[in-house]
């Protein structure tokens, strides 16, 4: 009876670990989707396709800052081969560089939040933040 309980416990633990791994993948994908949703209107404003809206810019920068901070914990070693993901192995092969890129992105978003007050400051500061997105995607995300 005891061996059976032990085996059942191990199976339950394995299932729980697999669910936790896929959950972390889902969490990070949700964070990235949230950031992508903010990028569309901001990019439109930068290209002159949408009118400048300071409230939208500030809201987007807040999402960028918050999610960059949250994302650093959502790429544990045990999640690199879990589920359908666009995350490249380079994230785990060069974790320090990846974490530094996320940190820089979050800090630049914070700086932009403090310095963007009008359309002129937006056009000067926002490209610096958006450049971080591209740099991270180039090194750490599969091309679609």
C-alpha atoms as a PDB file:
ATOM      1  CA  UNK A   1       0.000   0.000   0.000  1.00  0.00           C
ATOM      2  CA  UNK A   2       2.784   2.442   0.900  1.00  0.00           C
ATOM      3  CA  UNK A   3       4.634   1.929  -2.421  1.00  0.00           C
ATOM      4  CA  UNK A   4       1.397   2.634  -4.276  1.00  0.00           C
ATOM      5  CA  UNK A   5       0.868   5.903  -2.371  1.00  0.00           C
ATOM      6  CA  UNK A   6       4.493   6.849  -3.027  1.00  0.00           C
ATOM      7  CA  UNK A   7       4.124   6.248  -6.779  1.00  0.00           C
ATOM      8  CA  UNK A   8       0.841   8.171  -6.864  1.00  0.00           C
ATOM      9  CA  UNK A   9       2.493  11.058  -5.026  1.00  0.00           C
ATOM     10  CA  UNK A  10       5.370  11.130  -7.510  1.00  0.00           C
ATOM     11  CA  UNK A  11       2.948  11.138 -10.437  1.00  0.00           C
ATOM     12  CA  UNK A  12       0.935  13.965  -8.885  1.00  0.00           C
ATOM     13  CA  UNK A  13       4.134  15.934  -8.311  1.00  0.00           C
ATOM     14  CA  UNK A  14       5.178  15.411 -11.933  1.00  0.00           C
ATOM     15  CA  UNK A  15       1.810  16.546 -13.237  1.00  0.00           C
ATOM     16  CA  UNK A  16       1.904  19.591 -10.961  1.00  0.00           C
ATOM     17  CA  UNK A  17       5.389  20.496 -12.218  1.00  0.00           C
ATOM     18  CA  UNK A  18       4.300  20.165 -15.852  1.00  0.00           C
ATOM     19  CA  UNK A  19       1.280  22.379 -15.224  1.00  0.00           C
ATOM     20  CA  UNK A  20       3.449  24.959 -13.463  1.00  0.00           C
ATOM     21  CA  UNK A  21       5.908  24.991 -16.382  1.00  0.00           C
ATOM     22  CA  UNK A  22       3.183  25.492 -18.965  1.00  0.00           C
ATOM     23  CA  UNK A  23       1.585  28.116 -16.712  1.00  0.00           C
ATOM     24  CA  UNK A  24       4.814  30.165 -16.679  1.00  0.00           C
ATOM     25  CA  UNK A  25       4.918  29.980 -20.484  1.00  0.00           C
ATOM     26  CA  UNK A  26       1.302  31.151 -20.647  1.00  0.00           C
ATOM     27  CA  UNK A  27       2.038  33.970 -18.205  1.00  0.00           C
ATOM     28  CA  UNK A  28       4.993  35.268 -20.194  1.00  0.00           C
ATOM     29  CA  UNK A  29       3.071  34.986 -23.462  1.00  0.00           C
ATOM     30  CA  UNK A  30       0.255  37.029 -21.926  1.00  0.00           C
ATOM     31  CA  UNK A  31       2.739  39.699 -20.820  1.00  0.00           C
ATOM     32  CA  UNK A  32       4.214  39.861 -24.309  1.00  0.00           C
ATOM     33  CA  UNK A  33       0.732  40.117 -25.871  1.00  0.00           C
ATOM     34  CA  UNK A  34      -0.095  42.978 -23.508  1.00  0.00           C
ATOM     35  CA  UNK A  35       3.059  44.790 -24.585  1.00  0.00           C
ATOM     36  CA  UNK A  36       2.304  44.124 -28.243  1.00  0.00           C
ATOM     37  CA  UNK A  37      -1.165  45.612 -27.808  1.00  0.00           C
ATOM     38  CA  UNK A  38       0.434  48.800 -26.466  1.00  0.00           C
ATOM     39  CA  UNK A  39       2.984  48.925 -29.270  1.00  0.00           C
ATOM     40  CA  UNK A  40       0.390  49.201 -32.046  1.00  0.00           C
ATOM     41  CA  UNK A  41      -1.110  52.597 -31.123  1.00  0.00           C
ATOM     42  CA  UNK A  42       2.239  53.989 -29.999  1.00  0.00           C
ATOM     43  CA  UNK A  43       3.830  52.927 -33.276  1.00  0.00           C
ATOM     44  CA  UNK A  44       0.929  54.517 -35.140  1.00  0.00           C
ATOM     45  CA  UNK A  45       1.563  57.773 -33.286  1.00  0.00           C
ATOM     46  CA  UNK A  46       5.265  57.642 -34.106  1.00  0.00           C
ATOM     47  CA  UNK A  47       4.476  57.135 -37.805  1.00  0.00           C
ATOM     48  CA  UNK A  48       1.858  59.889 -37.805  1.00  0.00           C
ATOM     49  CA  UNK A  49      -0.944  57.422 -38.518  1.00  0.00           C
ATOM     50  CA  UNK A  50      -2.694  58.161 -35.222  1.00  0.00           C
ATOM     51  CA  UNK A  51      -2.990  61.436 -33.332  1.00  0.00           C
ATOM     52  CA  UNK A  52      -0.675  61.876 -30.356  1.00  0.00           C
ATOM     53  CA  UNK A  53      -2.418  60.901 -27.115  1.00  0.00           C
ATOM     54  CA  UNK A  54      -0.346  61.406 -23.973  1.00  0.00           C
ATOM     55  CA  UNK A  55      -2.666  59.257 -21.841  1.00  0.00           C
ATOM     56  CA  UNK A  56      -2.270  56.268 -24.221  1.00  0.00           C
ATOM     57  CA  UNK A  57       1.492  56.754 -24.323  1.00  0.00           C
ATOM     58  CA  UNK A  58       1.758  56.870 -20.532  1.00  0.00           C
ATOM     59  CA  UNK A  59      -0.487  53.804 -20.169  1.00  0.00           C
ATOM     60  CA  UNK A  60       1.625  51.909 -22.691  1.00  0.00           C
ATOM     61  CA  UNK A  61       4.855  52.877 -20.969  1.00  0.00           C
ATOM     62  CA  UNK A  62       3.449  51.699 -17.643  1.00  0.00           C
ATOM     63  CA  UNK A  63       2.626  48.307 -19.185  1.00  0.00           C
ATOM     64  CA  UNK A  64       6.135  48.117 -20.676  1.00  0.00           C
ATOM     65  CA  UNK A  65       7.781  48.982 -17.366  1.00  0.00           C
ATOM     66  CA  UNK A  66       5.645  46.654 -15.249  1.00  0.00           C
ATOM     67  CA  UNK A  67       5.806  43.721 -17.652  1.00  0.00           C
ATOM     68  CA  UNK A  68       9.551  44.000 -18.210  1.00  0.00           C
ATOM     69  CA  UNK A  69       9.997  43.642 -14.462  1.00  0.00           C
ATOM     70  CA  UNK A  70       7.533  40.730 -14.209  1.00  0.00           C
ATOM     71  CA  UNK A  71       9.007  38.897 -17.202  1.00  0.00           C
ATOM     72  CA  UNK A  72      12.404  38.390 -15.598  1.00  0.00           C
ATOM     73  CA  UNK A  73      10.945  35.658 -13.383  1.00  0.00           C
ATOM     74  CA  UNK A  74       9.011  33.924 -16.166  1.00  0.00           C
ATOM     75  CA  UNK A  75      11.893  32.242 -17.997  1.00  0.00           C
ATOM     76  CA  UNK A  76      13.113  29.562 -15.554  1.00  0.00           C
ATOM     77  CA  UNK A  77      15.416  26.838 -16.902  1.00  0.00           C
ATOM     78  CA  UNK A  78      12.690  24.221 -16.699  1.00  0.00           C
ATOM     79  CA  UNK A  79      10.483  26.160 -19.134  1.00  0.00           C
ATOM     80  CA  UNK A  80      12.751  26.303 -22.177  1.00  0.00           C
ATOM     81  CA  UNK A  81      11.314  23.221 -23.889  1.00  0.00           C
ATOM     82  CA  UNK A  82       7.725  23.542 -22.697  1.00  0.00           C
ATOM     83  CA  UNK A  83       4.780  24.290 -24.948  1.00  0.00           C
ATOM     84  CA  UNK A  84       4.518  26.240 -28.143  1.00  0.00           C
ATOM     85  CA  UNK A  85       6.708  29.291 -27.729  1.00  0.00           C
ATOM     86  CA  UNK A  86       8.680  31.771 -29.795  1.00  0.00           C
ATOM     87  CA  UNK A  87      11.369  32.021 -27.134  1.00  0.00           C
ATOM     88  CA  UNK A  88      14.788  31.099 -28.525  1.00  0.00           C
ATOM     89  CA  UNK A  89      17.282  28.912 -26.625  1.00  0.00           C
ATOM     90  CA  UNK A  90      19.564  31.979 -26.523  1.00  0.00           C
ATOM     91  CA  UNK A  91      17.453  33.243 -23.604  1.00  0.00           C
ATOM     92  CA  UNK A  92      18.744  30.439 -21.400  1.00  0.00           C
ATOM     93  CA  UNK A  93      22.175  30.239 -23.043  1.00  0.00           C
ATOM     94  CA  UNK A  94      22.834  33.893 -22.264  1.00  0.00           C
ATOM     95  CA  UNK A  95      20.451  34.572 -19.391  1.00  0.00           C
ATOM     96  CA  UNK A  96      22.460  37.532 -18.078  1.00  0.00           C
ATOM     97  CA  UNK A  97      22.202  39.334 -21.424  1.00  0.00           C
ATOM     98  CA  UNK A  98      18.469  38.579 -21.634  1.00  0.00           C
ATOM     99  CA  UNK A  99      17.811  39.776 -18.096  1.00  0.00           C
ATOM    100  CA  UNK A 100      19.858  42.921 -18.777  1.00  0.00           C
ATOM    101  CA  UNK A 101      17.799  43.610 -21.916  1.00  0.00           C
ATOM    102  CA  UNK A 102      14.551  43.313 -19.942  1.00  0.00           C
ATOM    103  CA  UNK A 103      15.917  45.530 -17.190  1.00  0.00           C
ATOM    104  CA  UNK A 104      17.052  48.173 -19.693  1.00  0.00           C
ATOM    105  CA  UNK A 105      13.670  48.073 -21.398  1.00  0.00           C
ATOM    106  CA  UNK A 106      11.872  48.601 -18.095  1.00  0.00           C
ATOM    107  CA  UNK A 107      14.218  51.398 -17.020  1.00  0.00           C
ATOM    108  CA  UNK A 108      13.949  53.170 -20.374  1.00  0.00           C
ATOM    109  CA  UNK A 109      10.148  52.942 -20.166  1.00  0.00           C
ATOM    110  CA  UNK A 110      10.296  54.491 -16.671  1.00  0.00           C
ATOM    111  CA  UNK A 111      12.564  57.280 -17.915  1.00  0.00           C
ATOM    112  CA  UNK A 112      10.258  57.932 -20.871  1.00  0.00           C
ATOM    113  CA  UNK A 113       7.225  58.055 -18.554  1.00  0.00           C
ATOM    114  CA  UNK A 114       8.908  60.840 -16.609  1.00  0.00           C
ATOM    115  CA  UNK A 115      10.178  62.786 -19.612  1.00  0.00           C
ATOM    116  CA  UNK A 116       7.386  62.536 -22.201  1.00  0.00           C
ATOM    117  CA  UNK A 117       5.092  65.515 -21.700  1.00  0.00           C
ATOM    118  CA  UNK A 118       4.083  66.398 -25.257  1.00  0.00           C
ATOM    119  CA  UNK A 119       4.383  65.223 -28.850  1.00  0.00           C
ATOM    120  CA  UNK A 120       7.895  66.627 -29.305  1.00  0.00           C
ATOM    121  CA  UNK A 121       9.288  64.820 -26.248  1.00  0.00           C
ATOM    122  CA  UNK A 122       7.379  61.690 -27.311  1.00  0.00           C
ATOM    123  CA  UNK A 123       9.043  61.680 -30.737  1.00  0.00           C
ATOM    124  CA  UNK A 124      12.443  62.200 -29.115  1.00  0.00           C
ATOM    125  CA  UNK A 125      12.146  59.597 -26.325  1.00  0.00           C
ATOM    126  CA  UNK A 126       9.841  56.853 -27.551  1.00  0.00           C
ATOM    127  CA  UNK A 127      12.163  55.488 -30.273  1.00  0.00           C
ATOM    128  CA  UNK A 128      14.717  54.695 -27.538  1.00  0.00           C
ATOM    129  CA  UNK A 129      12.158  52.512 -25.758  1.00  0.00           C
ATOM    130  CA  UNK A 130      10.964  50.846 -28.955  1.00  0.00           C
ATOM    131  CA  UNK A 131      14.557  50.094 -29.979  1.00  0.00           C
ATOM    132  CA  UNK A 132      14.791  47.839 -26.907  1.00  0.00           C
ATOM    133  CA  UNK A 133      11.840  45.797 -28.193  1.00  0.00           C
ATOM    134  CA  UNK A 134      13.537  45.223 -31.527  1.00  0.00           C
ATOM    135  CA  UNK A 135      16.893  44.360 -29.996  1.00  0.00           C
ATOM    136  CA  UNK A 136      15.351  41.782 -27.700  1.00  0.00           C
ATOM    137  CA  UNK A 137      13.280  40.270 -30.503  1.00  0.00           C
ATOM    138  CA  UNK A 138      16.342  40.001 -32.740  1.00  0.00           C
ATOM    139  CA  UNK A 139      18.351  38.066 -30.173  1.00  0.00           C
ATOM    140  CA  UNK A 140      15.760  36.139 -28.219  1.00  0.00           C
ATOM    141  CA  UNK A 141      12.611  35.542 -30.306  1.00  0.00           C
ATOM    142  CA  UNK A 142      11.963  33.256 -33.260  1.00  0.00           C
ATOM    143  CA  UNK A 143      11.262  35.089 -36.475  1.00  0.00           C
ATOM    144  CA  UNK A 144       7.682  34.591 -37.608  1.00  0.00           C
END
